[in-house]
Amino acid sequence: MSPAAADLDLFSACFAKNSSPRDRAVLEWQYVANPSGKLLVDFALAPEPNRVAAIYATLPVRLRVGGEVTLGVQSVDTITDVDFRGQGLFLELAESVYARATREGARLVYGFPNGSSAHGFFQRLQWQRLDPVPFLIRPLRTSYVLERLGFERYSRLVPDVRLHSIAQRGSRRVEEIRRFDDRATRLWDAFSTNIGVAVERDARYLNWRLIDKPHEAYVSEGVCERDELVAFVSHVVKAKHGGRIGYVMEALCRPGRELVLRGLLDRALANMTREGADVALAWCMPHARPFRAFVSTGFVPFPVRFRPIELHFGARAFSNNSRVAKRAEWYVSYLDSDTT
């Protein structure tokens, strides 16, 4: 795939024909304007003109691996046209993209395959399982929670009340972040000191992911001290899964400033409640620095059996690197989700 408009049209047409339409502006943002400056997507072309039989698409990302910033790829969009399934195109395209990525200097591929595709990644593409996806949940309304737990009949008997107070703790001055700058990069540098593997969340990446994405309205708020950003939280509320879902996209702080982060999370929950969110979701590993702040504001691990979708987490190193296969080395958040 090239960044030309004609190839974007082929990409879009293949997904649309197979009942999975993609927004054109989002495609350009994701594959042409991403901060890596690279495009690593392969097509299998059908015999007839202007038709794609299959696509394997990765998102090139700058990764911090053991303190070194290098290239990696996230597996994001894969599809085989209904008329060409059963011919091994998924595997052929995946290995083709991985070979090109390796030649470009990529160290690994990672991603979050759904239940229908996970077998192909883990059994046929030699991915290492890093499950589970670290979902956390914070209920905000009683009725939604009871219904999702299978207690619909009780939800009609229990008042539908808020489970989070709109009142906010703390007196620190909170600023809305309309554009990330070098202060965010320095915050990430301090935060990521002991992280083994993570997408490089510097200002360039944060602006692309949270400010420039089409059709999104992420809210990012931070606390500065002596003109240094010490913590920030980004969130959004969307109509999904039969309700209004609040997503904590990211929550970062400098070492020792977890209390500030807790206050920002509390504020984000209050904002979600004002927007009518039924529940708040986040991704955070128990070993990650923000985990205690999440727990202290009422988040708990989301049991797999109650999750609205089946997602898995895995990776494959292109060279020997023991960090890649160890879950405890990774830092992920909802910023790593390509659907939110």
Protein backbone atom coordinates (compact mmCIF):
# COMPACT_ATOMS: atom_id res chain seq x y z
CA MET A 1 0.00 0.00 0.00
CA SER A 2 1.17 3.50 -0.84
CA PRO A 3 -0.13 6.74 0.69
CA ALA A 4 -1.82 7.62 -2.62
CA ALA A 5 -5.54 8.36 -2.62
CA ALA A 6 -6.16 5.42 -4.97
CA ASP A 7 -4.76 2.94 -2.45
CA LEU A 8 -6.80 4.46 0.37
CA ASP A 9 -9.84 3.98 -1.86
CA LEU A 10 -8.96 0.30 -2.38
CA PHE A 11 -8.52 -0.16 1.37
CA SER A 12 -11.83 1.51 2.15
CA ALA A 13 -13.73 -0.37 -0.56
CA CYS A 14 -12.55 -3.78 0.67
CA PHE A 15 -13.71 -3.14 4.22
CA ALA A 16 -17.00 -1.61 3.07
CA LYS A 17 -17.76 -4.57 0.80
CA ASN A 18 -17.26 -6.92 3.74
CA SER A 19 -19.62 -5.07 6.11
CA SER A 20 -16.87 -3.33 8.08
CA PRO A 21 -16.71 0.26 6.77
CA ARG A 22 -13.80 2.52 7.67
CA ASP A 23 -13.97 6.30 7.81
CA ARG A 24 -11.76 7.87 5.13
CA ALA A 25 -10.48 10.70 7.34
CA VAL A 26 -9.51 8.22 10.07
CA LEU A 27 -7.69 6.05 7.52
CA GLU A 28 -5.61 9.03 6.39
CA TRP A 29 -4.88 9.98 10.01
CA GLN A 30 -3.91 6.43 10.97
CA TYR A 31 -1.91 5.27 7.99
CA VAL A 32 -0.62 8.41 6.29
CA ALA A 33 -0.21 10.96 9.10
CA ASN A 34 1.06 8.75 11.94
CA PRO A 35 4.20 10.03 13.71
CA SER A 36 6.47 7.22 12.53
CA GLY A 37 6.34 8.50 8.94
CA LYS A 38 6.14 4.90 7.68
CA LEU A 39 3.41 2.87 5.98
CA LEU A 40 3.43 -0.92 6.45
CA VAL A 41 0.26 -2.36 4.92
CA ASP A 42 0.08 -5.12 2.31
CA PHE A 43 -2.70 -5.95 -0.16
CA ALA A 44 -3.50 -9.16 -1.98
CA LEU A 45 -4.92 -8.00 -5.30
CA ALA A 46 -7.86 -9.75 -6.91
CA PRO A 47 -7.67 -10.77 -10.61
CA GLU A 48 -10.17 -8.11 -11.63
CA PRO A 49 -9.03 -4.48 -11.66
CA ASN A 50 -9.43 -2.18 -8.66
CA ARG A 51 -10.31 -4.88 -6.17
CA VAL A 52 -8.46 -6.06 -3.08
CA ALA A 53 -8.79 -9.69 -2.00
CA ALA A 54 -7.21 -9.28 1.44
CA ILE A 55 -5.46 -6.72 3.66
CA TYR A 56 -2.99 -6.99 6.51
CA ALA A 57 -2.45 -3.57 8.07
CA THR A 58 -0.02 -2.58 10.79
CA LEU A 59 0.49 0.76 12.48
CA PRO A 60 4.20 1.63 12.74
CA VAL A 61 4.97 3.10 16.16
CA ARG A 62 7.99 4.40 18.00
CA LEU A 63 8.53 1.98 20.88
CA ARG A 64 10.58 2.31 24.04
CA VAL A 65 12.21 -1.10 24.56
CA GLY A 66 14.54 -1.34 27.54
CA GLY A 67 15.17 2.40 27.50
CA GLU A 68 15.95 2.52 23.77
CA VAL A 69 13.50 4.14 21.35
CA THR A 70 13.07 1.95 18.30
CA LEU A 71 10.51 1.00 15.66
CA GLY A 72 7.70 -1.48 16.22
CA VAL A 73 4.36 -2.23 14.59
CA GLN A 74 0.89 -2.73 15.99
CA SER A 75 -1.34 -5.16 14.11
CA VAL A 76 -4.60 -3.27 13.63
CA ASP A 77 -6.70 -4.07 10.53
CA THR A 78 -6.90 -7.49 8.87
CA ILE A 79 -9.55 -8.71 6.47
CA THR A 80 -10.02 -11.24 3.68
CA ASP A 81 -12.78 -10.61 1.16
CA VAL A 82 -15.56 -13.18 1.47
CA ASP A 83 -14.85 -14.42 -2.09
CA PHE A 84 -11.20 -15.23 -1.32
CA ARG A 85 -11.26 -16.86 2.09
CA GLY A 86 -9.61 -20.21 2.78
CA GLN A 87 -6.61 -19.50 0.53
CA GLY A 88 -4.07 -18.67 3.24
CA LEU A 89 -3.94 -14.95 2.39
CA PHE A 90 -3.98 -13.84 6.04
CA LEU A 91 -0.79 -15.75 6.85
CA GLU A 92 0.95 -14.84 3.60
CA LEU A 93 0.24 -11.14 4.00
CA ALA A 94 1.18 -11.12 7.69
CA GLU A 95 4.59 -12.66 7.05
CA SER A 96 5.10 -10.29 4.10
CA VAL A 97 4.42 -7.25 6.27
CA TYR A 98 6.60 -8.62 9.10
CA ALA A 99 9.49 -9.12 6.67
CA ARG A 100 9.16 -5.55 5.39
CA ALA A 101 8.88 -4.23 8.93
CA THR A 102 12.04 -6.07 9.93
CA ARG A 103 13.92 -4.56 6.98
CA GLU A 104 12.73 -1.13 8.16
CA GLY A 105 14.23 -1.82 11.59
CA ALA A 106 11.12 -2.88 13.53
CA ARG A 107 11.86 -4.97 16.61
CA LEU A 108 8.44 -6.49 17.23
CA VAL A 109 4.75 -6.68 16.39
CA TYR A 110 2.01 -6.54 19.02
CA GLY A 111 -1.73 -6.15 19.18
CA PHE A 112 -5.10 -7.00 20.65
CA PRO A 113 -6.78 -9.59 18.41
CA ASN A 114 -10.46 -10.32 18.95
CA GLY A 115 -11.92 -13.71 19.71
CA SER A 116 -12.44 -14.67 16.07
CA SER A 117 -8.85 -13.93 14.98
CA ALA A 118 -6.83 -14.78 18.10
CA HIS A 119 -6.19 -18.39 17.03
CA GLY A 120 -4.48 -17.25 13.83
CA PHE A 121 -2.11 -14.97 15.68
CA PHE A 122 -1.17 -17.29 18.53
CA GLN A 123 -1.20 -20.64 16.74
CA ARG A 124 -0.05 -19.74 13.24
CA LEU A 125 1.97 -16.52 13.53
CA GLN A 126 3.99 -17.47 16.63
CA TRP A 127 2.73 -14.66 18.81
CA GLN A 128 3.32 -14.91 22.56
CA ARG A 129 0.21 -14.63 24.74
CA LEU A 130 0.29 -11.70 27.16
CA ASP A 131 -3.34 -12.09 28.26
CA PRO A 132 -5.48 -10.81 29.73
CA VAL A 133 -6.10 -7.34 28.37
CA PRO A 134 -5.90 -5.36 31.65
CA PHE A 135 -9.46 -4.04 31.79
CA LEU A 136 -10.51 -2.04 34.85
CA ILE A 137 -14.10 -0.98 35.49
CA ARG A 138 -15.67 1.73 37.61
CA PRO A 139 -19.51 1.59 37.78
CA LEU A 140 -21.19 5.00 37.62
CA ARG A 141 -24.90 4.04 37.53
CA THR A 142 -26.64 1.16 39.31
CA SER A 143 -29.06 0.12 36.54
CA TYR A 144 -26.39 -0.43 33.89
CA VAL A 145 -24.25 -2.50 36.23
CA LEU A 146 -27.13 -4.73 37.35
CA GLU A 147 -28.23 -5.33 33.76
CA ARG A 148 -24.72 -6.28 32.64
CA LEU A 149 -24.41 -8.69 35.57
CA GLY A 150 -27.60 -10.43 34.48
CA PHE A 151 -29.86 -8.98 37.18
CA GLU A 152 -32.27 -7.12 34.87
CA ARG A 153 -35.30 -7.87 37.03
CA TYR A 154 -33.63 -6.34 40.07
CA SER A 155 -32.57 -3.23 38.14
CA ARG A 156 -36.26 -2.26 37.92
CA LEU A 157 -36.56 -2.46 41.69
CA VAL A 158 -33.42 -0.53 42.61
CA PRO A 159 -33.27 3.26 42.15
CA ASP A 160 -31.00 4.25 39.27
CA VAL A 161 -28.52 6.31 41.25
CA ARG A 162 -25.10 7.77 40.53
CA LEU A 163 -22.22 5.81 42.00
CA HIS A 164 -19.81 8.74 41.90
CA SER A 165 -20.15 12.16 43.46
CA ILE A 166 -19.83 15.11 41.12
CA ALA A 167 -18.09 17.01 43.92
CA GLN A 168 -14.33 16.97 43.40
CA ARG A 169 -11.52 16.70 45.91
CA GLY A 170 -8.39 18.79 45.98
CA SER A 171 -7.51 22.42 45.43
CA ARG A 172 -4.72 22.17 42.85
CA ARG A 173 -5.18 24.21 39.73
CA VAL A 174 -6.18 21.96 36.85
CA GLU A 175 -5.57 23.06 33.26
CA GLU A 176 -7.19 21.77 30.09
CA ILE A 177 -4.53 20.62 27.63
CA ARG A 178 -5.34 21.79 24.14
CA ARG A 179 -1.92 20.87 22.76
CA PHE A 180 0.86 18.82 24.32
CA ASP A 181 4.32 20.34 24.42
CA ASP A 182 7.81 19.47 25.68
CA ARG A 183 6.51 19.32 29.23
CA ALA A 184 4.51 16.21 28.29
CA THR A 185 7.63 14.62 26.78
CA ARG A 186 9.58 15.27 29.98
CA LEU A 187 6.72 13.81 32.01
CA TRP A 188 6.80 10.66 29.87
CA ASP A 189 10.58 10.41 30.21
CA ALA A 190 10.23 10.49 34.00
CA PHE A 191 7.27 8.08 34.04
CA SER A 192 8.82 5.49 31.73
CA THR A 193 12.17 5.06 33.49
CA ASN A 194 11.49 1.49 34.61
CA ILE A 195 9.20 0.39 31.75
CA GLY A 196 10.44 -2.45 29.57
CA VAL A 197 8.16 -2.07 26.51
CA ALA A 198 5.73 0.72 25.62
CA VAL A 199 4.74 3.02 22.80
CA GLU A 200 6.74 6.24 23.10
CA ARG A 201 4.16 8.63 24.52
CA ASP A 202 5.97 11.88 23.82
CA ALA A 203 4.26 15.14 22.85
CA ARG A 204 4.32 14.29 19.15
CA TYR A 205 2.51 11.01 19.72
CA LEU A 206 0.05 12.46 22.26
CA ASN A 207 -0.95 15.26 19.89
CA TRP A 208 -1.49 12.80 17.05
CA ARG A 209 -3.45 10.35 19.19
CA LEU A 210 -5.48 12.66 21.43
CA ILE A 211 -5.72 16.01 19.62
CA ASP A 212 -5.55 15.35 15.87
CA LYS A 213 -7.71 12.21 15.52
CA PRO A 214 -10.76 13.04 13.37
CA HIS A 215 -14.26 12.97 14.86
CA GLU A 216 -13.03 12.60 18.44
CA ALA A 217 -13.42 14.86 21.46
CA TYR A 218 -10.97 13.59 24.05
CA VAL A 219 -10.66 15.75 27.15
CA SER A 220 -7.15 16.07 28.58
CA GLU A 221 -6.50 17.81 31.89
CA GLY A 222 -3.24 18.24 33.76
CA VAL A 223 -1.58 19.79 36.77
CA CYS A 224 1.57 21.90 36.38
CA GLU A 225 4.00 22.93 39.08
CA ARG A 226 6.84 25.37 38.39
CA ASP A 227 5.89 25.15 34.72
CA GLU A 228 6.39 21.37 34.65
CA LEU A 229 3.55 18.95 33.93
CA VAL A 230 3.39 16.56 36.89
CA ALA A 231 0.30 14.55 35.86
CA PHE A 232 -2.46 14.40 33.27
CA VAL A 233 -5.55 12.33 32.52
CA SER A 234 -7.39 12.05 29.20
CA HIS A 235 -10.91 10.69 28.87
CA VAL A 236 -13.89 10.46 26.51
CA VAL A 237 -17.52 9.30 26.75
CA LYS A 238 -19.06 7.28 23.90
CA ALA A 239 -22.34 5.51 23.18
CA LYS A 240 -21.25 1.85 23.01
CA HIS A 241 -22.22 -1.59 24.32
CA GLY A 242 -25.80 -0.60 25.05
CA GLY A 243 -24.95 2.38 27.21
CA ARG A 244 -22.75 5.42 27.63
CA ILE A 245 -19.19 4.34 28.35
CA GLY A 246 -16.48 6.56 29.79
CA TYR A 247 -12.95 5.65 28.72
CA VAL A 248 -9.84 6.74 30.59
CA MET A 249 -7.52 6.95 27.61
CA GLU A 250 -4.37 7.76 29.59
CA ALA A 251 -3.29 8.59 33.14
CA LEU A 252 0.36 9.53 33.67
CA CYS A 253 2.26 11.14 36.52
CA ARG A 254 5.80 11.80 37.64
CA PRO A 255 7.21 9.38 40.23
CA GLY A 256 5.88 10.24 43.66
CA ARG A 257 2.98 12.30 42.33
CA GLU A 258 0.35 9.57 42.43
CA LEU A 259 -1.87 11.65 44.73
CA VAL A 260 -2.12 14.33 42.04
CA LEU A 261 -3.04 11.64 39.53
CA ARG A 262 -5.72 10.35 41.86
CA GLY A 263 -7.28 13.80 42.01
CA LEU A 264 -7.29 14.05 38.20
CA LEU A 265 -8.92 10.63 37.90
CA ASP A 266 -11.56 11.67 40.41
CA ARG A 267 -12.18 14.79 38.34
CA ALA A 268 -12.44 12.74 35.12
CA LEU A 269 -15.01 10.46 36.77
CA ALA A 270 -17.02 13.51 37.83
CA ASN A 271 -16.90 14.84 34.26
CA MET A 272 -18.04 11.44 32.90
CA THR A 273 -20.92 11.41 35.39
CA ARG A 274 -22.02 14.86 34.19
CA GLU A 275 -21.97 13.51 30.62
CA GLY A 276 -24.30 10.67 31.60
CA ALA A 277 -21.76 7.83 31.55
CA ASP A 278 -23.04 4.54 32.98
CA VAL A 279 -19.61 3.07 33.61
CA ALA A 280 -15.93 4.00 33.24
CA LEU A 281 -13.34 1.67 31.72
CA ALA A 282 -9.54 1.78 31.71
CA TRP A 283 -6.59 -0.42 30.78
CA CYS A 284 -3.87 -0.64 33.41
CA MET A 285 -1.56 -3.45 34.52
CA PRO A 286 -1.29 -4.12 38.28
CA HIS A 287 2.46 -3.45 38.14
CA ALA A 288 2.03 -0.03 36.47
CA ARG A 289 2.47 3.18 38.47
CA PRO A 290 -1.13 4.47 37.90
CA PHE A 291 -2.74 1.25 39.16
CA ARG A 292 -3.04 2.35 42.79
CA ALA A 293 -4.58 5.65 41.72
CA PHE A 294 -7.18 3.74 39.73
CA VAL A 295 -7.95 1.47 42.67
CA SER A 296 -8.20 4.39 45.09
CA THR A 297 -10.87 5.99 42.86
CA GLY A 298 -13.00 2.85 42.76
CA PHE A 299 -11.74 0.95 39.71
CA VAL A 300 -11.55 -2.84 39.99
CA PRO A 301 -10.43 -5.56 37.55
CA PHE A 302 -13.19 -6.31 35.03
CA PRO A 303 -13.96 -10.08 35.11
CA VAL A 304 -13.48 -11.66 31.69
CA ARG A 305 -16.90 -13.34 31.67
CA PHE A 306 -18.70 -9.98 31.96
CA ARG A 307 -16.74 -8.10 29.29
CA PRO A 308 -18.81 -6.96 26.29
CA ILE A 309 -16.17 -8.07 23.77
CA GLU A 310 -13.48 -10.76 23.68
CA LEU A 311 -10.02 -9.27 23.28
CA HIS A 312 -6.58 -10.80 23.68
CA PHE A 313 -3.11 -9.30 24.09
CA GLY A 314 0.00 -10.65 22.44
CA ALA A 315 3.29 -9.89 20.71
CA ARG A 316 6.02 -11.41 18.59
CA ALA A 317 9.65 -10.31 18.67
CA PHE A 318 11.48 -10.13 15.34
CA SER A 319 14.80 -10.67 17.13
CA ASN A 320 15.82 -12.17 20.45
CA ASN A 321 14.42 -9.96 23.18
CA SER A 322 13.18 -11.54 26.38
CA ARG A 323 11.34 -8.40 27.45
CA VAL A 324 8.76 -8.68 24.67
CA ALA A 325 7.39 -12.02 25.92
CA LYS A 326 7.04 -10.90 29.55
CA ARG A 327 3.75 -9.29 30.52
CA ALA A 328 5.37 -7.52 33.49
CA GLU A 329 7.63 -5.56 31.10
CA TRP A 330 4.73 -3.91 29.26
CA TYR A 331 2.87 -0.66 29.81
CA VAL A 332 -0.44 -0.29 27.97
CA SER A 333 -3.47 1.98 28.24
CA TYR A 334 -6.49 2.73 26.09
CA LEU A 335 -4.19 4.80 23.89
CA ASP A 336 -3.09 1.43 22.50
CA SER A 337 -6.64 0.57 21.44
CA ASP A 338 -7.21 1.21 17.74
CA THR A 339 -11.00 1.29 18.18
CA THR A 340 -11.42 3.91 20.92
